[in-house]
Structure formats: structure tokens, C-alpha cells
């Protein structure tokens, strides 16, 4: 949720690589690093300047627009009801 929120405001992200993150963003709108690797986090933060461009902001917004909030809500609601039943 936080990932899509940031992207929807045109904010590229630095995030720990996980299936949800890597399936959502490309390197035009994000820098990922291995979770728990402080050196990798440091390198990602050093490289973050490349995300401070209009192109990266546009890529972030374009990424967010690929996900329909209504469809995500319906899917989540259906899955939640099934698990609670």
C-alpha cells in the first residue's frame, strides 16, 4: 500500500527487494536493495539521486496508474471474506 501511495504522488522509491516490490516497479521508478544488507541500502541511497528527475516522477505515476484502486479493493475484500468465512 505504501509503495503504490508513493508512486501515485509521483515519488520514485528506494525499497527492499521483495516479490511485491519487484513485480510492481521497474528501475525507472525505483531502486531496490537486498533486505538486511546495510551496505546495499547505503549504495541504494547513494544512487537515489538518479530518481530525482522529471522522467522518474513520470515513471512513478505511470506505474501507479497500472493498478486500478477499485479492482484492488474488490480483490482484497473478496479474499478477506473468503478467509473469514
C-alpha atoms as a PDB file:
ATOM      1  CA  UNK A   1       0.000   0.000   0.000  1.00  0.00           C
ATOM      2  CA  UNK A   2       2.735   2.458   0.920  1.00  0.00           C
ATOM      3  CA  UNK A   3       4.572   1.640  -2.301  1.00  0.00           C
ATOM      4  CA  UNK A   4       1.576   2.444  -4.510  1.00  0.00           C
ATOM      5  CA  UNK A   5       0.763   5.539  -2.466  1.00  0.00           C
ATOM      6  CA  UNK A   6       4.258   6.945  -3.000  1.00  0.00           C
ATOM      7  CA  UNK A   7       4.141   6.134  -6.706  1.00  0.00           C
ATOM      8  CA  UNK A   8       0.694   7.722  -7.078  1.00  0.00           C
ATOM      9  CA  UNK A   9       2.171  11.002  -5.803  1.00  0.00           C
ATOM     10  CA  UNK A  10       4.949  10.763  -8.384  1.00  0.00           C
ATOM     11  CA  UNK A  11       7.547   9.727  -5.861  1.00  0.00           C
ATOM     12  CA  UNK A  12      10.057   7.135  -7.035  1.00  0.00           C
ATOM     13  CA  UNK A  13      11.092   4.747  -4.282  1.00  0.00           C
ATOM     14  CA  UNK A  14      14.053   3.074  -2.640  1.00  0.00           C
ATOM     15  CA  UNK A  15      12.729  -0.223  -1.321  1.00  0.00           C
ATOM     16  CA  UNK A  16      13.843  -3.623  -0.133  1.00  0.00           C
ATOM     17  CA  UNK A  17      13.523  -6.140  -2.940  1.00  0.00           C
ATOM     18  CA  UNK A  18      10.601  -8.470  -2.352  1.00  0.00           C
ATOM     19  CA  UNK A  19       8.255 -10.199  -4.784  1.00  0.00           C
ATOM     20  CA  UNK A  20       5.610  -7.494  -4.321  1.00  0.00           C
ATOM     21  CA  UNK A  21       8.074  -4.690  -4.952  1.00  0.00           C
ATOM     22  CA  UNK A  22       9.957  -6.205  -7.859  1.00  0.00           C
ATOM     23  CA  UNK A  23       6.701  -7.229  -9.577  1.00  0.00           C
ATOM     24  CA  UNK A  24       5.375  -3.686  -9.224  1.00  0.00           C
ATOM     25  CA  UNK A  25       8.218  -1.325 -10.118  1.00  0.00           C
ATOM     26  CA  UNK A  26      10.978  -1.111 -12.689  1.00  0.00           C
ATOM     27  CA  UNK A  27      14.306   0.619 -12.278  1.00  0.00           C
ATOM     28  CA  UNK A  28      12.932   3.727 -13.996  1.00  0.00           C
ATOM     29  CA  UNK A  29      10.874   4.456 -10.857  1.00  0.00           C
ATOM     30  CA  UNK A  30      12.743   2.589  -8.120  1.00  0.00           C
ATOM     31  CA  UNK A  31      15.984   1.371  -6.684  1.00  0.00           C
ATOM     32  CA  UNK A  32      15.793  -1.906  -4.812  1.00  0.00           C
ATOM     33  CA  UNK A  33      18.244  -3.489  -2.422  1.00  0.00           C
ATOM     34  CA  UNK A  34      18.567  -6.752  -0.542  1.00  0.00           C
ATOM     35  CA  UNK A  35      16.712  -6.569   2.768  1.00  0.00           C
ATOM     36  CA  UNK A  36      19.031  -6.721   5.759  1.00  0.00           C
ATOM     37  CA  UNK A  37      22.103  -5.758   3.744  1.00  0.00           C
ATOM     38  CA  UNK A  38      23.164  -2.409   5.178  1.00  0.00           C
ATOM     39  CA  UNK A  39      25.822  -1.957   2.520  1.00  0.00           C
ATOM     40  CA  UNK A  40      23.262  -2.481  -0.232  1.00  0.00           C
ATOM     41  CA  UNK A  41      20.935   0.017   1.434  1.00  0.00           C
ATOM     42  CA  UNK A  42      23.746   2.541   1.605  1.00  0.00           C
ATOM     43  CA  UNK A  43      24.537   2.040  -2.084  1.00  0.00           C
ATOM     44  CA  UNK A  44      20.858   2.407  -2.964  1.00  0.00           C
ATOM     45  CA  UNK A  45      20.641   5.674  -1.057  1.00  0.00           C
ATOM     46  CA  UNK A  46      23.790   6.978  -2.745  1.00  0.00           C
ATOM     47  CA  UNK A  47      22.292   6.092  -6.138  1.00  0.00           C
ATOM     48  CA  UNK A  48      18.932   7.688  -5.298  1.00  0.00           C
ATOM     49  CA  UNK A  49      19.892  10.959  -6.988  1.00  0.00           C
ATOM     50  CA  UNK A  50      19.071   9.343 -10.323  1.00  0.00           C
ATOM     51  CA  UNK A  51      15.432   9.211  -9.205  1.00  0.00           C
ATOM     52  CA  UNK A  52      15.268  12.986  -8.747  1.00  0.00           C
ATOM     53  CA  UNK A  53      14.262  13.693 -12.336  1.00  0.00           C
ATOM     54  CA  UNK A  54      11.012  14.547 -14.084  1.00  0.00           C
ATOM     55  CA  UNK A  55      11.320  11.271 -16.019  1.00  0.00           C
ATOM     56  CA  UNK A  56      11.489   9.238 -12.796  1.00  0.00           C
ATOM     57  CA  UNK A  57       8.456  11.085 -11.418  1.00  0.00           C
ATOM     58  CA  UNK A  58       6.535  10.371 -14.623  1.00  0.00           C
ATOM     59  CA  UNK A  59       7.578   6.709 -14.465  1.00  0.00           C
ATOM     60  CA  UNK A  60       6.331   6.522 -10.864  1.00  0.00           C
ATOM     61  CA  UNK A  61       2.942   7.947 -11.810  1.00  0.00           C
ATOM     62  CA  UNK A  62       2.702   5.669 -14.848  1.00  0.00           C
ATOM     63  CA  UNK A  63       3.458   2.674 -12.644  1.00  0.00           C
ATOM     64  CA  UNK A  64       0.757   3.640 -10.147  1.00  0.00           C
ATOM     65  CA  UNK A  65      -1.794   4.079 -12.924  1.00  0.00           C
ATOM     66  CA  UNK A  66      -1.350   0.443 -13.954  1.00  0.00           C
ATOM     67  CA  UNK A  67      -3.194  -0.536 -10.778  1.00  0.00           C
ATOM     68  CA  UNK A  68      -6.916   0.204 -10.528  1.00  0.00           C
ATOM     69  CA  UNK A  69      -7.724   1.038  -6.886  1.00  0.00           C
ATOM     70  CA  UNK A  70     -11.305  -0.202  -7.235  1.00  0.00           C
ATOM     71  CA  UNK A  71     -10.167  -3.556  -8.600  1.00  0.00           C
ATOM     72  CA  UNK A  72      -7.522  -3.912  -5.882  1.00  0.00           C
ATOM     73  CA  UNK A  73     -10.151  -3.144  -3.215  1.00  0.00           C
ATOM     74  CA  UNK A  74     -12.612  -5.663  -4.677  1.00  0.00           C
ATOM     75  CA  UNK A  75      -9.964  -8.368  -4.872  1.00  0.00           C
ATOM     76  CA  UNK A  76      -8.814  -7.711  -1.310  1.00  0.00           C
ATOM     77  CA  UNK A  77     -12.378  -7.646   0.006  1.00  0.00           C
ATOM     78  CA  UNK A  78     -13.243 -10.925  -1.717  1.00  0.00           C
ATOM     79  CA  UNK A  79     -10.118 -12.638  -0.414  1.00  0.00           C
ATOM     80  CA  UNK A  80     -10.744 -11.339   3.099  1.00  0.00           C
ATOM     81  CA  UNK A  81     -14.358 -12.547   3.103  1.00  0.00           C
ATOM     82  CA  UNK A  82     -13.275 -15.978   1.890  1.00  0.00           C
ATOM     83  CA  UNK A  83     -10.705 -16.311   4.665  1.00  0.00           C
ATOM     84  CA  UNK A  84     -13.116 -15.145   7.347  1.00  0.00           C
ATOM     85  CA  UNK A  85     -15.931 -17.457   6.211  1.00  0.00           C
END
